Structure formats: C-alpha cells, structure tokens
C-alpha cells in the first residue's frame, strides 16, 4: 500500500463498477436485471482480483 491509494479507489472497485455495468446490459438481454448485475459484479471482481 502506497500513498496513491488515498487518491483513487482500489482496482477491485473499478472492476465492480465495470462488472455492474456489463451485468446491467446482460440483465436487460436476459430480462432479469438483478441477476445480470450479480453476474457482472462477480465477473468484475474476478477480473480485478486476477490482475493483482
């Protein structure tokens, strides 16, 4: 952890936001927004954790 962490959110937060956005699009396609956001958030977290 360095001083830069105070200036911007951690990378997993961006993964979560991107995942939720992707999930919302998936949810519209699947006609189930809650399920899509859940899937997208999981995908975003997986990508963010993998990049570390």
PDB file of N, CA and C in Angstrom:
ATOM      1  N   UNK A   1       0.838  -1.190   0.000  1.00  0.00           N
ATOM      2  CA  UNK A   1       0.000   0.000   0.000  1.00  0.00           C
ATOM      3  C   UNK A   1       0.882   1.254   0.000  1.00  0.00           C
ATOM      4  N   UNK A   2       0.711   2.078  -0.984  1.00  0.00           N
ATOM      5  CA  UNK A   2       1.478   3.319  -1.033  1.00  0.00           C
ATOM      6  C   UNK A   2       0.540   4.520  -0.926  1.00  0.00           C
ATOM      7  N   UNK A   3       1.077   5.714  -1.001  1.00  0.00           N
ATOM      8  CA  UNK A   3       0.279   6.925  -0.829  1.00  0.00           C
ATOM      9  C   UNK A   3      -0.762   7.137  -1.912  1.00  0.00           C
ATOM     10  N   UNK A   4      -0.570   6.534  -3.077  1.00  0.00           N
ATOM     11  CA  UNK A   4      -1.516   6.726  -4.177  1.00  0.00           C
ATOM     12  C   UNK A   4      -2.888   6.133  -3.886  1.00  0.00           C
ATOM     13  N   UNK A   5      -2.953   5.169  -2.967  1.00  0.00           N
ATOM     14  CA  UNK A   5      -4.230   4.524  -2.673  1.00  0.00           C
ATOM     15  C   UNK A   5      -5.256   5.505  -2.114  1.00  0.00           C
ATOM     16  N   UNK A   6      -4.793   6.602  -1.520  1.00  0.00           N
ATOM     17  CA  UNK A   6      -5.727   7.574  -0.951  1.00  0.00           C
ATOM     18  C   UNK A   6      -6.378   8.425  -2.037  1.00  0.00           C
ATOM     19  N   UNK A   7      -5.715   8.570  -3.178  1.00  0.00           N
ATOM     20  CA  UNK A   7      -6.212   9.451  -4.233  1.00  0.00           C
ATOM     21  C   UNK A   7      -7.274   8.797  -5.108  1.00  0.00           C
ATOM     22  N   UNK A   8      -7.167   7.505  -5.328  1.00  0.00           N
ATOM     23  CA  UNK A   8      -8.140   6.840  -6.199  1.00  0.00           C
ATOM     24  C   UNK A   8      -8.571   5.523  -5.580  1.00  0.00           C
ATOM     25  N   UNK A   9      -9.781   5.083  -5.903  1.00  0.00           N
ATOM     26  CA  UNK A   9     -10.265   3.826  -5.329  1.00  0.00           C
ATOM     27  C   UNK A   9      -9.420   2.649  -5.804  1.00  0.00           C
ATOM     28  N   UNK A  10      -9.405   1.563  -5.055  1.00  0.00           N
ATOM     29  CA  UNK A  10      -8.637   0.385  -5.467  1.00  0.00           C
ATOM     30  C   UNK A  10      -9.180  -0.220  -6.761  1.00  0.00           C
ATOM     31  N   UNK A  11      -8.346  -1.013  -7.416  1.00  0.00           N
ATOM     32  CA  UNK A  11      -8.712  -1.558  -8.727  1.00  0.00           C
ATOM     33  C   UNK A  11      -9.946  -2.448  -8.660  1.00  0.00           C
ATOM     34  N   UNK A  12     -10.149  -3.149  -7.538  1.00  0.00           N
ATOM     35  CA  UNK A  12     -11.323  -4.024  -7.466  1.00  0.00           C
ATOM     36  C   UNK A  12     -12.606  -3.219  -7.532  1.00  0.00           C
ATOM     37  N   UNK A  13     -12.567  -1.971  -7.046  1.00  0.00           N
ATOM     38  CA  UNK A  13     -13.764  -1.113  -7.088  1.00  0.00           C
ATOM     39  C   UNK A  13     -14.136  -0.810  -8.531  1.00  0.00           C
ATOM     40  N   UNK A  14     -13.116  -0.523  -9.375  1.00  0.00           N
ATOM     41  CA  UNK A  14     -13.384  -0.272 -10.793  1.00  0.00           C
ATOM     42  C   UNK A  14     -13.887  -1.538 -11.472  1.00  0.00           C
ATOM     43  N   UNK A  15     -13.329  -2.683 -11.088  1.00  0.00           N
ATOM     44  CA  UNK A  15     -13.818  -3.950 -11.635  1.00  0.00           C
ATOM     45  C   UNK A  15     -15.276  -4.173 -11.286  1.00  0.00           C
ATOM     46  N   UNK A  16     -15.634  -3.820 -10.052  1.00  0.00           N
ATOM     47  CA  UNK A  16     -17.015  -3.978  -9.602  1.00  0.00           C
ATOM     48  C   UNK A  16     -17.950  -3.060 -10.392  1.00  0.00           C
ATOM     49  N   UNK A  17     -17.527  -1.808 -10.591  1.00  0.00           N
ATOM     50  CA  UNK A  17     -18.351  -0.851 -11.340  1.00  0.00           C
ATOM     51  C   UNK A  17     -18.518  -1.307 -12.790  1.00  0.00           C
ATOM     52  N   UNK A  18     -17.402  -1.684 -13.424  1.00  0.00           N
ATOM     53  CA  UNK A  18     -17.473  -2.160 -14.809  1.00  0.00           C
ATOM     54  C   UNK A  18     -18.318  -3.423 -14.896  1.00  0.00           C
ATOM     55  N   UNK A  19     -18.118  -4.323 -13.934  1.00  0.00           N
ATOM     56  CA  UNK A  19     -18.898  -5.559 -13.915  1.00  0.00           C
ATOM     57  C   UNK A  19     -20.384  -5.286 -13.769  1.00  0.00           C
ATOM     58  N   UNK A  20     -20.730  -4.326 -12.914  1.00  0.00           N
ATOM     59  CA  UNK A  20     -22.143  -3.986 -12.728  1.00  0.00           C
ATOM     60  C   UNK A  20     -22.729  -3.402 -14.011  1.00  0.00           C
ATOM     61  N   UNK A  21     -21.933  -2.592 -14.715  1.00  0.00           N
ATOM     62  CA  UNK A  21     -22.394  -2.036 -15.989  1.00  0.00           C
ATOM     63  C   UNK A  21     -22.622  -3.127 -17.023  1.00  0.00           C
ATOM     64  N   UNK A  22     -21.665  -4.036 -17.129  1.00  0.00           N
ATOM     65  CA  UNK A  22     -21.805  -5.176 -18.045  1.00  0.00           C
ATOM     66  C   UNK A  22     -23.003  -6.019 -17.616  1.00  0.00           C
ATOM     67  N   UNK A  23     -23.125  -6.215 -16.305  1.00  0.00           N
ATOM     68  CA  UNK A  23     -24.229  -7.013 -15.772  1.00  0.00           C
ATOM     69  C   UNK A  23     -25.585  -6.394 -16.066  1.00  0.00           C
ATOM     70  N   UNK A  24     -25.668  -5.060 -15.996  1.00  0.00           N
ATOM     71  CA  UNK A  24     -26.939  -4.396 -16.303  1.00  0.00           C
ATOM     72  C   UNK A  24     -27.326  -4.652 -17.755  1.00  0.00           C
ATOM     73  N   UNK A  25     -26.335  -4.586 -18.659  1.00  0.00           N
ATOM     74  CA  UNK A  25     -26.607  -4.882 -20.069  1.00  0.00           C
ATOM     75  C   UNK A  25     -27.024  -6.340 -20.235  1.00  0.00           C
ATOM     76  N   UNK A  26     -26.322  -7.241 -19.537  1.00  0.00           N
ATOM     77  CA  UNK A  26     -26.699  -8.659 -19.575  1.00  0.00           C
ATOM     78  C   UNK A  26     -28.104  -8.847 -19.027  1.00  0.00           C
ATOM     79  N   UNK A  27     -28.393  -8.139 -17.932  1.00  0.00           N
ATOM     80  CA  UNK A  27     -29.704  -8.261 -17.301  1.00  0.00           C
ATOM     81  C   UNK A  27     -30.828  -7.842 -18.235  1.00  0.00           C
ATOM     82  N   UNK A  28     -30.607  -6.781 -19.006  1.00  0.00           N
ATOM     83  CA  UNK A  28     -31.619  -6.344 -19.973  1.00  0.00           C
ATOM     84  C   UNK A  28     -31.804  -7.420 -21.035  1.00  0.00           C
ATOM     85  N   UNK A  29     -30.682  -7.998 -21.490  1.00  0.00           N
ATOM     86  CA  UNK A  29     -30.755  -9.043 -22.512  1.00  0.00           C
ATOM     87  C   UNK A  29     -31.460 -10.287 -21.971  1.00  0.00           C
ATOM     88  N   UNK A  30     -31.203 -10.609 -20.697  1.00  0.00           N
ATOM     89  CA  UNK A  30     -31.808 -11.802 -20.094  1.00  0.00           C
ATOM     90  C   UNK A  30     -33.181 -11.518 -19.482  1.00  0.00           C
ATOM     91  N   UNK A  31     -33.589 -10.234 -19.513  1.00  0.00           N
ATOM     92  CA  UNK A  31     -34.861  -9.815 -18.926  1.00  0.00           C
ATOM     93  C   UNK A  31     -34.874 -10.057 -17.415  1.00  0.00           C
ATOM     94  N   UNK A  32     -33.710  -9.948 -16.781  1.00  0.00           N
ATOM     95  CA  UNK A  32     -33.601 -10.094 -15.327  1.00  0.00           C
ATOM     96  C   UNK A  32     -32.411  -9.252 -14.869  1.00  0.00           C
ATOM     97  N   UNK A  33     -32.672  -7.974 -14.569  1.00  0.00           N
ATOM     98  CA  UNK A  33     -31.588  -7.034 -14.272  1.00  0.00           C
ATOM     99  C   UNK A  33     -30.831  -7.420 -13.003  1.00  0.00           C
ATOM    100  N   UNK A  34     -31.536  -7.875 -11.964  1.00  0.00           N
ATOM    101  CA  UNK A  34     -30.860  -8.237 -10.707  1.00  0.00           C
ATOM    102  C   UNK A  34     -29.860  -9.368 -10.939  1.00  0.00           C
ATOM    103  N   UNK A  35     -30.271 -10.377 -11.688  1.00  0.00           N
ATOM    104  CA  UNK A  35     -29.374 -11.497 -11.994  1.00  0.00           C
ATOM    105  C   UNK A  35     -28.181 -11.014 -12.814  1.00  0.00           C
ATOM    106  N   UNK A  36     -28.428 -10.167 -13.792  1.00  0.00           N
ATOM    107  CA  UNK A  36     -27.353  -9.649 -14.635  1.00  0.00           C
ATOM    108  C   UNK A  36     -26.336  -8.848 -13.839  1.00  0.00           C
ATOM    109  N   UNK A  37     -26.813  -7.981 -12.933  1.00  0.00           N
ATOM    110  CA  UNK A  37     -25.891  -7.184 -12.114  1.00  0.00           C
ATOM    111  C   UNK A  37     -25.080  -8.095 -11.204  1.00  0.00           C
ATOM    112  N   UNK A  38     -25.713  -9.115 -10.648  1.00  0.00           N
ATOM    113  CA  UNK A  38     -24.989 -10.073  -9.804  1.00  0.00           C
ATOM    114  C   UNK A  38     -23.896 -10.784 -10.584  1.00  0.00           C
ATOM    115  N   UNK A  39     -24.226 -11.252 -11.774  1.00  0.00           N
ATOM    116  CA  UNK A  39     -23.231 -11.920 -12.626  1.00  0.00           C
ATOM    117  C   UNK A  39     -22.109 -10.962 -13.010  1.00  0.00           C
ATOM    118  N   UNK A  40     -22.484  -9.765 -13.427  1.00  0.00           N
ATOM    119  CA  UNK A  40     -21.491  -8.785 -13.851  1.00  0.00           C
ATOM    120  C   UNK A  40     -20.562  -8.385 -12.720  1.00  0.00           C
ATOM    121  N   UNK A  41     -21.111  -8.201 -11.518  1.00  0.00           N
ATOM    122  CA  UNK A  41     -20.272  -7.842 -10.370  1.00  0.00           C
ATOM    123  C   UNK A  41     -19.288  -8.966 -10.071  1.00  0.00           C
ATOM    124  N   UNK A  42     -19.756 -10.200 -10.156  1.00  0.00           N
ATOM    125  CA  UNK A  42     -18.869 -11.344  -9.942  1.00  0.00           C
ATOM    126  C   UNK A  42     -17.761 -11.398 -10.985  1.00  0.00           C
ATOM    127  N   UNK A  43     -18.118 -11.152 -12.240  1.00  0.00           N
ATOM    128  CA  UNK A  43     -17.128 -11.141 -13.321  1.00  0.00           C
ATOM    129  C   UNK A  43     -16.115 -10.013 -13.097  1.00  0.00           C
ATOM    130  N   UNK A  44     -16.609  -8.843 -12.739  1.00  0.00           N
ATOM    131  CA  UNK A  44     -15.724  -7.701 -12.490  1.00  0.00           C
ATOM    132  C   UNK A  44     -14.766  -7.963 -11.344  1.00  0.00           C
ATOM    133  N   UNK A  45     -15.259  -8.567 -10.263  1.00  0.00           N
ATOM    134  CA  UNK A  45     -14.395  -8.891  -9.124  1.00  0.00           C
ATOM    135  C   UNK A  45     -13.340  -9.910  -9.540  1.00  0.00           C
ATOM    136  N   UNK A  46     -13.751 -10.915 -10.318  1.00  0.00           N
ATOM    137  CA  UNK A  46     -12.806 -11.947 -10.755  1.00  0.00           C
ATOM    138  C   UNK A  46     -11.679 -11.328 -11.588  1.00  0.00           C
ATOM    139  N   UNK A  47     -12.031 -10.425 -12.512  1.00  0.00           N
ATOM    140  CA  UNK A  47     -11.007  -9.767 -13.325  1.00  0.00           C
ATOM    141  C   UNK A  47     -10.080  -8.924 -12.461  1.00  0.00           C
ATOM    142  N   UNK A  48     -10.657  -8.156 -11.527  1.00  0.00           N
ATOM    143  CA  UNK A  48      -9.849  -7.269 -10.686  1.00  0.00           C
ATOM    144  C   UNK A  48      -8.900  -8.070  -9.805  1.00  0.00           C
ATOM    145  N   UNK A  49      -9.374  -9.175  -9.250  1.00  0.00           N
ATOM    146  CA  UNK A  49      -8.528  -9.987  -8.378  1.00  0.00           C
ATOM    147  C   UNK A  49      -7.451 -10.712  -9.180  1.00  0.00           C
ATOM    148  N   UNK A  50      -7.775 -11.090 -10.420  1.00  0.00           N
ATOM    149  CA  UNK A  50      -6.809 -11.784 -11.266  1.00  0.00           C
ATOM    150  C   UNK A  50      -5.666 -10.873 -11.675  1.00  0.00           C
ATOM    151  N   UNK A  51      -5.957  -9.580 -11.836  1.00  0.00           N
ATOM    152  CA  UNK A  51      -4.949  -8.631 -12.307  1.00  0.00           C
ATOM    153  C   UNK A  51      -3.908  -8.309 -11.246  1.00  0.00           C
ATOM    154  N   UNK A  52      -4.173  -8.587  -9.989  1.00  0.00           N
ATOM    155  CA  UNK A  52      -3.227  -8.254  -8.916  1.00  0.00           C
ATOM    156  C   UNK A  52      -1.973  -9.075  -9.013  1.00  0.00           C
TER     157      UNK A  52
END
